[in-house]
Amino acid sequence: MTEELDRLAAIMRRFADDELQGSSPLYERLARAAVADPTLLDPLLAAPKSQRRATLYFAAIHSLVLGGQGDDLAAFFPDIAESPSRDDPVPALRTFLKERRDDLEALYATRNTQTNEVGRCAFLLPMFGLIAARARGPLAMIEAGASAGLNLLFDRYRYDYGPAGSLGDVASPVVLAPEIRGDVALPIPDAMPAVASRIGIDLQPVDVGDADAIAWLRACIWPEHIARLELFERAVEEARRDPPEIVRGAILETLPRYISAVPEDTPVCVFHTATLAYMNRDERARFGALMAEAGRGRDVYWVAGEGPHILAGLFPEAGITGPDNGYALVVAHAGRDAAWVGESAYHGRWLRWRP
């Protein structure tokens, strides 16, 4: 398995370079240690090959540490230790991997990375606003890769875009306030887009009432990201008041059925964030063909926040070239008239609109 460990080390190197630098010093230190010594990644081989990802590697470790396993390693986690250790965390990681190997392998074999990033609603809202203005009617919202469906509840949150304006319930406990970059004005809708219906699709739906499932989503949040954690916890409490419907199923097989179930006079909005990264190239092409077919003869809109290389492959006419450290944002009408409308950080911390 040396070749596979070398492949995983290369994945970990890209993860450290592209996502962890300046965002999670602890994970970056551990990731670079795994690049130097790929045997640290050996427990991840218990995961199905398609799930052997850096995010899953760290989520499982974080989950066990949050559960009280691995005190020595826990001393380095800012969301656990009051005064995190500044020593080298790698020896503690080695001990942890040796002592908790069975527990880790059980998680890798059964869990998926399911980060339900509420911060991404900050860039979803203006895109939904563009569609609502065009559709001129309530939207049937369908999220592909919904996890717990927290982003399906976008209209229950408060949005503060600074000088660009604000929108949403001022009493909402969930407040999103991204940094606005660039000189192009953000198209904040005059009113919250109306929702006719909402449903999510996921291979492993998360019940917001299931404490164990929510604990796993919490473990997917990086240890230095306290603001993300607080936002997530508030959104979970909000969702528990009236949870969205999430159905279990593979997106490519399940999505067409739920689009067809929407009355033909109701515009459909299919959206996803960081979902297509978990599909291979053939599956992404099938997803694009599915969306084009679904839109024949009716209004089906497509909102995507994904890595630029992924969306450039699906929308070559949009001219997508960036960003290097975040998501490209695309709005399309049934796979047609695709527009690259903006860029965002992976977790929605900053947002830049395009002309």
Protein backbone atom coordinates (compact mmCIF):
# COMPACT_ATOMS: atom_id res chain seq x y z
CA MET A 1 0.00 0.00 0.00
CA THR A 2 3.04 2.28 -0.19
CA GLU A 3 1.79 3.71 -3.49
CA GLU A 4 -1.60 4.54 -1.97
CA LEU A 5 0.01 6.18 1.06
CA ASP A 6 2.14 8.28 -1.27
CA ARG A 7 -1.06 9.32 -3.10
CA LEU A 8 -2.66 10.31 0.20
CA ALA A 9 0.45 12.25 1.18
CA ALA A 10 0.16 14.23 -2.06
CA ILE A 11 -3.48 14.97 -1.24
CA MET A 12 -2.44 16.09 2.23
CA ARG A 13 0.23 18.37 0.77
CA ARG A 14 -2.30 20.10 -1.48
CA PHE A 15 -4.69 20.42 1.44
CA ALA A 16 -2.01 22.05 3.59
CA ASP A 17 -0.93 24.40 0.80
CA ASP A 18 -4.36 25.38 -0.55
CA GLU A 19 -6.68 25.33 2.47
CA LEU A 20 -4.90 25.08 5.81
CA GLN A 21 -2.27 27.81 5.48
CA GLY A 22 -3.33 30.79 7.55
CA SER A 23 -6.55 29.01 8.57
CA SER A 24 -5.68 26.06 10.83
CA PRO A 25 -2.11 26.07 12.17
CA LEU A 26 -2.65 22.82 14.09
CA TYR A 27 -3.98 20.85 11.14
CA GLU A 28 -1.32 22.34 8.88
CA ARG A 29 1.43 21.18 11.23
CA LEU A 30 -0.04 17.67 11.41
CA ALA A 31 -0.69 17.55 7.66
CA ARG A 32 2.91 18.43 6.83
CA ALA A 33 4.09 15.77 9.28
CA ALA A 34 1.99 13.23 7.36
CA VAL A 35 3.49 14.42 4.09
CA ALA A 36 6.96 13.79 5.51
CA ASP A 37 5.92 10.42 6.99
CA PRO A 38 2.95 8.90 5.09
CA THR A 39 2.70 6.03 7.59
CA LEU A 40 0.79 8.50 9.77
CA LEU A 41 -1.99 8.16 7.19
CA ASP A 42 -2.18 4.38 7.44
CA PRO A 43 -5.48 4.28 9.44
CA LEU A 44 -7.20 6.20 6.62
CA LEU A 45 -6.79 3.13 4.41
CA ALA A 46 -9.82 1.70 6.25
CA ALA A 47 -12.02 4.21 4.38
CA PRO A 48 -13.46 3.41 0.95
CA LYS A 49 -11.02 4.73 -1.64
CA SER A 50 -13.41 7.49 -2.74
CA GLN A 51 -13.58 8.78 0.84
CA ARG A 52 -9.84 8.84 1.61
CA ARG A 53 -9.68 12.59 2.05
CA ALA A 54 -7.73 14.95 4.27
CA THR A 55 -10.95 16.36 5.70
CA LEU A 56 -12.11 12.89 6.82
CA TYR A 57 -8.69 12.13 8.29
CA PHE A 58 -8.87 15.14 10.59
CA ALA A 59 -12.60 14.91 11.34
CA ALA A 60 -12.24 11.41 12.80
CA ILE A 61 -9.26 12.44 14.94
CA HIS A 62 -11.14 15.54 16.11
CA SER A 63 -14.23 13.46 16.88
CA LEU A 64 -12.36 11.11 19.20
CA VAL A 65 -10.48 13.94 20.90
CA LEU A 66 -13.73 15.82 21.50
CA GLY A 67 -15.12 12.60 22.96
CA GLY A 68 -12.42 12.55 25.63
CA GLN A 69 -9.98 10.15 23.97
CA GLY A 70 -6.38 11.25 23.67
CA ASP A 71 -5.69 13.77 26.42
CA ASP A 72 -2.13 14.39 25.24
CA LEU A 73 -3.31 15.34 21.76
CA ALA A 74 -6.29 17.29 23.12
CA ALA A 75 -3.84 19.68 24.77
CA PHE A 76 -3.08 21.10 21.31
CA PHE A 77 -6.70 21.75 20.24
CA PRO A 78 -7.80 25.41 20.69
CA ASP A 79 -11.48 24.42 20.96
CA ILE A 80 -10.71 22.05 23.85
CA ALA A 81 -7.68 23.31 25.78
CA GLU A 82 -8.03 26.66 27.53
CA SER A 83 -4.35 27.37 26.83
CA PRO A 84 -3.30 25.16 23.90
CA SER A 85 0.20 23.71 24.08
CA ARG A 86 2.84 25.30 21.87
CA ASP A 87 5.00 22.19 21.84
CA ASP A 88 5.36 19.90 18.84
CA PRO A 89 2.02 18.04 18.43
CA VAL A 90 3.41 15.29 16.20
CA PRO A 91 4.65 12.94 19.00
CA ALA A 92 1.19 13.16 20.60
CA LEU A 93 -0.39 12.37 17.23
CA ARG A 94 1.81 9.29 16.82
CA THR A 95 0.79 7.99 20.23
CA PHE A 96 -2.86 8.76 19.55
CA LEU A 97 -2.82 6.93 16.20
CA LYS A 98 -1.28 3.87 17.84
CA GLU A 99 -3.63 3.78 20.83
CA ARG A 100 -6.86 4.64 18.97
CA ARG A 101 -6.26 2.85 15.70
CA ASP A 102 -9.30 0.57 15.98
CA ASP A 103 -11.62 3.46 16.84
CA LEU A 104 -10.24 5.56 14.00
CA GLU A 105 -10.56 2.78 11.45
CA ALA A 106 -14.18 2.23 12.49
CA LEU A 107 -14.91 5.91 11.81
CA TYR A 108 -13.03 5.95 8.52
CA ALA A 109 -14.91 2.86 7.34
CA THR A 110 -18.38 4.27 8.07
CA ARG A 111 -18.31 8.07 8.10
CA ASN A 112 -18.28 10.72 5.37
CA THR A 113 -17.12 14.30 5.57
CA GLN A 114 -20.39 16.19 5.96
CA THR A 115 -19.46 19.72 6.89
CA ASN A 116 -22.73 21.68 6.99
CA GLU A 117 -21.20 25.12 6.52
CA VAL A 118 -23.81 27.74 7.39
CA GLY A 119 -21.39 30.52 6.42
CA ARG A 120 -21.92 29.62 2.77
CA CYS A 121 -25.43 31.05 2.98
CA ALA A 122 -23.70 34.44 2.80
CA PHE A 123 -22.94 33.85 -0.89
CA LEU A 124 -26.03 31.74 -1.59
CA LEU A 125 -28.47 34.53 -0.67
CA PRO A 126 -27.49 37.01 -3.43
CA MET A 127 -27.52 34.15 -5.96
CA PHE A 128 -30.98 33.09 -4.81
CA GLY A 129 -32.00 36.74 -5.13
CA LEU A 130 -30.91 36.82 -8.78
CA ILE A 131 -33.03 33.74 -9.47
CA ALA A 132 -36.05 35.02 -7.55
CA ALA A 133 -35.99 38.24 -9.57
CA ARG A 134 -35.92 36.26 -12.80
CA ALA A 135 -38.43 33.59 -11.77
CA ARG A 136 -40.91 36.08 -10.28
CA GLY A 137 -42.43 33.51 -8.00
CA PRO A 138 -41.69 31.34 -4.94
CA LEU A 139 -38.93 28.83 -5.53
CA ALA A 140 -38.93 25.09 -4.91
CA MET A 141 -35.53 24.70 -3.22
CA ILE A 142 -33.65 21.41 -3.61
CA GLU A 143 -30.21 21.04 -2.04
CA ALA A 144 -27.93 18.36 -3.45
CA GLY A 145 -25.68 17.13 -0.66
CA ALA A 146 -27.69 18.67 2.16
CA SER A 147 -26.18 17.02 5.26
CA ALA A 148 -28.46 18.35 8.04
CA GLY A 149 -30.10 20.87 5.70
CA LEU A 150 -28.99 23.97 7.60
CA ASN A 151 -28.43 25.90 4.36
CA LEU A 152 -31.98 25.08 3.27
CA LEU A 153 -33.09 27.38 6.08
CA PHE A 154 -31.27 30.40 4.62
CA ASP A 155 -34.39 32.59 4.92
CA ARG A 156 -34.41 32.26 8.72
CA TYR A 157 -31.03 33.94 9.09
CA ARG A 158 -29.86 37.54 9.33
CA TYR A 159 -27.33 38.87 6.79
CA ASP A 160 -25.05 41.83 7.44
CA TYR A 161 -23.05 42.88 4.40
CA GLY A 162 -21.70 46.05 5.99
CA PRO A 163 -22.01 49.17 3.80
CA ALA A 164 -23.64 47.02 1.09
CA GLY A 165 -26.72 46.53 3.28
CA SER A 166 -28.48 43.90 5.34
CA LEU A 167 -31.45 41.57 5.10
CA GLY A 168 -33.35 39.09 7.22
CA ASP A 169 -34.96 38.78 10.62
CA VAL A 170 -33.20 41.12 13.06
CA ALA A 171 -34.16 38.74 15.89
CA SER A 172 -32.52 35.71 14.27
CA PRO A 173 -29.80 34.13 16.45
CA VAL A 174 -27.94 33.20 13.24
CA VAL A 175 -26.14 36.24 11.82
CA LEU A 176 -23.83 36.06 8.82
CA ALA A 177 -21.42 38.95 8.29
CA PRO A 178 -18.88 38.09 5.56
CA GLU A 179 -16.04 40.35 4.53
CA ILE A 180 -16.92 41.99 1.20
CA ARG A 181 -14.00 42.25 -1.20
CA GLY A 182 -13.64 43.99 -4.53
CA ASP A 183 -15.32 47.01 -6.07
CA VAL A 184 -18.43 45.43 -7.61
CA ALA A 185 -21.63 46.09 -5.68
CA LEU A 186 -23.23 43.04 -4.11
CA PRO A 187 -26.76 42.44 -5.50
CA ILE A 188 -28.60 42.10 -2.21
CA PRO A 189 -32.28 41.34 -2.90
CA ASP A 190 -34.88 43.87 -1.75
CA ALA A 191 -36.72 41.11 0.09
CA MET A 192 -35.97 37.56 1.17
CA PRO A 193 -36.58 35.18 -1.76
CA ALA A 194 -39.91 33.37 -1.29
CA VAL A 195 -39.79 29.61 -0.83
CA ALA A 196 -42.55 27.38 -2.17
CA SER A 197 -41.00 24.17 -0.81
CA ARG A 198 -37.66 22.88 0.37
CA ILE A 199 -36.03 19.46 0.44
CA GLY A 200 -32.51 18.11 0.68
CA ILE A 201 -30.87 14.97 -0.71
CA ASP A 202 -27.93 13.23 0.94
CA LEU A 203 -26.34 9.80 1.03
CA GLN A 204 -26.29 10.00 4.83
CA PRO A 205 -28.94 12.51 5.99
CA VAL A 206 -28.28 14.09 9.37
CA ASP A 207 -31.13 14.35 11.87
CA VAL A 208 -30.65 17.57 13.86
CA GLY A 209 -32.25 15.79 16.81
CA ASP A 210 -29.58 13.08 16.80
CA ALA A 211 -26.87 14.17 19.24
CA ASP A 212 -24.30 11.72 17.86
CA ALA A 213 -24.86 12.87 14.27
CA ILE A 214 -24.56 16.52 15.27
CA ALA A 215 -21.40 15.74 17.24
CA TRP A 216 -19.88 14.36 14.03
CA LEU A 217 -20.75 17.55 12.13
CA ARG A 218 -19.18 19.54 14.94
CA ALA A 219 -16.00 17.44 14.61
CA CYS A 220 -15.82 18.40 10.93
CA ILE A 221 -15.26 22.04 11.98
CA TRP A 222 -11.58 22.90 12.33
CA PRO A 223 -10.40 23.46 15.92
CA GLU A 224 -9.34 27.11 15.52
CA HIS A 225 -12.66 28.12 13.93
CA ILE A 226 -14.60 29.10 17.03
CA ALA A 227 -16.84 31.56 15.15
CA ARG A 228 -17.84 28.83 12.68
CA LEU A 229 -18.63 26.52 15.59
CA GLU A 230 -20.85 29.10 17.30
CA LEU A 231 -22.67 29.79 14.03
CA PHE A 232 -23.20 26.07 13.48
CA GLU A 233 -24.58 25.54 16.99
CA ARG A 234 -27.05 28.42 16.63
CA ALA A 235 -28.20 27.13 13.24
CA VAL A 236 -28.75 23.64 14.69
CA GLU A 237 -30.92 25.06 17.46
CA GLU A 238 -32.88 27.02 14.88
CA ALA A 239 -33.33 23.91 12.71
CA ARG A 240 -34.61 21.88 15.65
CA ARG A 241 -37.63 24.18 15.88
CA ASP A 242 -38.80 23.10 12.43
CA PRO A 243 -36.34 20.81 10.61
CA PRO A 244 -36.22 20.68 6.81
CA GLU A 245 -36.96 17.39 5.06
CA ILE A 246 -33.83 15.51 4.00
CA VAL A 247 -34.19 12.31 1.97
CA ARG A 248 -31.64 9.54 1.71
CA GLY A 249 -30.33 8.78 -1.75
CA ALA A 250 -27.59 9.11 -4.32
CA ILE A 251 -27.93 12.51 -6.00
CA LEU A 252 -27.71 11.27 -9.59
CA GLU A 253 -30.48 8.73 -9.06
CA THR A 254 -32.70 10.68 -6.66
CA LEU A 255 -32.61 14.29 -7.87
CA PRO A 256 -34.63 13.84 -11.11
CA ARG A 257 -37.54 12.35 -9.19
CA TYR A 258 -37.78 15.28 -6.81
CA ILE A 259 -37.49 17.86 -9.59
CA SER A 260 -40.33 16.11 -11.44
CA ALA A 261 -42.45 16.12 -8.27
CA VAL A 262 -42.53 19.94 -8.24
CA PRO A 263 -45.59 21.38 -10.03
CA GLU A 264 -44.56 22.52 -13.50
CA ASP A 265 -45.64 26.11 -12.88
CA THR A 266 -43.29 26.39 -9.88
CA PRO A 267 -39.66 27.33 -10.65
CA VAL A 268 -37.09 24.92 -9.22
CA CYS A 269 -33.78 25.99 -7.69
CA VAL A 270 -31.22 23.19 -7.33
CA PHE A 271 -28.19 24.28 -5.32
CA HIS A 272 -25.06 22.75 -3.87
CA THR A 273 -21.83 23.80 -2.16
CA ALA A 274 -18.70 21.61 -2.00
CA THR A 275 -20.71 18.62 -3.23
CA LEU A 276 -19.32 17.92 -6.69
CA ALA A 277 -15.84 17.55 -5.20
CA TYR A 278 -17.04 14.16 -3.97
CA MET A 279 -17.94 13.05 -7.50
CA ASN A 280 -15.54 11.86 -10.16
CA ARG A 281 -15.33 13.52 -13.57
CA ASP A 282 -17.84 11.14 -15.16
CA GLU A 283 -20.35 11.68 -12.35
CA ARG A 284 -20.03 15.46 -12.68
CA ALA A 285 -20.70 15.21 -16.39
CA ARG A 286 -23.77 13.10 -15.65
CA PHE A 287 -24.93 15.71 -13.15
CA GLY A 288 -24.61 18.43 -15.78
CA ALA A 289 -26.56 16.36 -18.30
CA LEU A 290 -29.19 15.63 -15.67
CA MET A 291 -29.68 19.35 -15.00
CA ALA A 292 -29.91 20.19 -18.70
CA GLU A 293 -32.50 17.47 -19.21
CA ALA A 294 -34.50 18.53 -16.15
CA GLY A 295 -34.79 22.05 -17.54
CA ARG A 296 -36.25 21.11 -20.90
CA GLY A 297 -39.66 22.72 -21.07
CA ARG A 298 -39.69 24.17 -17.53
CA ASP A 299 -37.80 26.59 -15.29
CA VAL A 300 -35.00 24.84 -13.43
CA TYR A 301 -32.27 27.06 -12.00
CA TRP A 302 -28.86 25.90 -10.89
CA VAL A 303 -26.80 27.56 -8.13
CA ALA A 304 -23.29 26.22 -7.52
CA GLY A 305 -20.46 27.05 -5.15
CA GLU A 306 -17.57 24.70 -5.93
CA GLY A 307 -13.88 24.62 -6.72
CA PRO A 308 -13.16 26.67 -9.87
CA HIS A 309 -11.62 23.73 -11.75
CA ILE A 310 -14.81 21.72 -11.18
CA LEU A 311 -17.17 24.42 -12.42
CA ALA A 312 -14.88 25.37 -15.30
CA GLY A 313 -15.34 21.83 -16.58
CA LEU A 314 -19.12 22.03 -16.31
CA PHE A 315 -19.48 25.60 -17.61
CA PRO A 316 -16.65 26.20 -20.11
CA GLU A 317 -18.55 29.15 -21.58
CA ALA A 318 -18.46 31.00 -18.26
CA GLY A 319 -14.70 31.66 -18.45
CA ILE A 320 -13.98 30.62 -14.87
CA THR A 321 -10.35 31.06 -13.84
CA GLY A 322 -10.40 31.45 -10.05
CA PRO A 323 -10.15 31.95 -7.16
CA ASP A 324 -7.07 30.01 -6.13
CA ASN A 325 -8.17 29.67 -2.49
CA GLY A 326 -11.94 29.37 -2.53
CA TYR A 327 -15.06 28.69 -4.55
CA ALA A 328 -16.28 29.98 -7.86
CA LEU A 329 -19.98 30.93 -7.79
CA VAL A 330 -22.17 30.14 -10.78
CA VAL A 331 -25.84 30.74 -11.55
CA ALA A 332 -27.37 28.95 -14.54
CA HIS A 333 -30.80 28.46 -16.06
CA ALA A 334 -31.20 24.68 -16.51
CA GLY A 335 -27.57 24.39 -17.44
CA ARG A 336 -27.93 27.24 -19.95
CA ASP A 337 -27.03 30.91 -19.67
CA ALA A 338 -24.40 30.14 -17.06
CA ALA A 339 -22.83 33.15 -15.36
CA TRP A 340 -19.75 33.21 -13.15
CA VAL A 341 -21.10 35.73 -10.66
CA GLY A 342 -18.60 35.74 -7.82
CA GLU A 343 -16.01 34.12 -5.61
CA SER A 344 -15.95 33.14 -1.96
CA ALA A 345 -13.77 31.66 0.75
CA TYR A 346 -14.33 27.96 1.40
CA HIS A 347 -16.37 28.66 4.51
CA GLY A 348 -17.98 31.91 3.38
CA ARG A 349 -15.70 34.19 5.41
CA TRP A 350 -15.24 36.57 2.47
CA LEU A 351 -17.19 37.24 -0.71
CA ARG A 352 -16.27 39.00 -3.96
CA TRP A 353 -18.85 39.77 -6.63
CA ARG A 354 -17.99 39.96 -10.31
CA PRO A 355 -19.24 42.40 -12.98
